[in-house]
């Protein structure tokens, strides 16, 4: 009897012990181990990001509205959230555009910007220091753009073709001769006629006039001819001509100087110097208009023109 009673008591004690262990296990009283694997940590971080995302917050708002708000208030709230999302999208687009502009400026600035590790390190240090984004030379977008504008403004203007578009003025306002244009007599004409050999004559109608001795051919033959205002119809007239063709005479006798102009420096003859040579009395004579016209464009040399210095 005692042996049986002892075994029964022992079994009952084991049963109670197992039940206590099971309750302890079920209530989480036993020691638990934390899952510190990399995959588990990453999953937890991702879950936090998802829970805090705009989509998740929007879903939670809609859920709260569905539970607590009437239909009209839900529609109004939905409109507000949609507007906020539009603003967020616009802000993200603006930041994206600014970032792309930064990258383009950085690449144009040269350096090692094509090296992703170097770029990331530089951007990280800039952000950590609380400074605005900069290129490889340490210039912000504004400074980089200003530098490009300054460099572009410092470039010398393209030099013009002087044979087709010569300068009329130098940088200091001096008038320049283009090397081909025929010049005028100014006040010289009346003075020169007054000093030439002349005689009295008559027009076909019998009215008086003055006639001047004029060269009419290469042999220097001369005849007395009236000025245009006193000539009869079809009659040859007196005119002032050059012994050595005027353009050749300017090329041989005028002083060519250096002039500052847009785009650099040129060699050219000033208009004043060209007119001095054109009106040189030592190279002038009265010629018949027919003869003058026949030799007026016969030149022995090229036109002086204008030339760039050091090109």
Foldseek 3Di string as FASTA:
>chain_A
DVVVVVVVVVVVVVVVVVVVVVVCVVVVVDDDDDDPDPVVVVVVVVVVCVCPDLVNVVVVVLVVCVVPNDPVVSVVVVVVSVVVVVVVVVVVVVVVVVVVLLLVLQVVVDDPSVDVVVVVVVVVVCVVVVHADDHPVRHHSVRSVVVVVVVVVPDADDDDDLVVPNDQAFPVGFGFDQQDDDDDQPPVPVVVVVPFDWDWDAAPVGHIFIWGWAQEDPVRDTDTAGAPVRHDPPDWHKDKAFQAALQQQCVVDFDWDWGHHRRAIKTGGTPVRSNCRSNPPVGMDIHTPVRRVVCNPPHDDDGPGMGGPPD
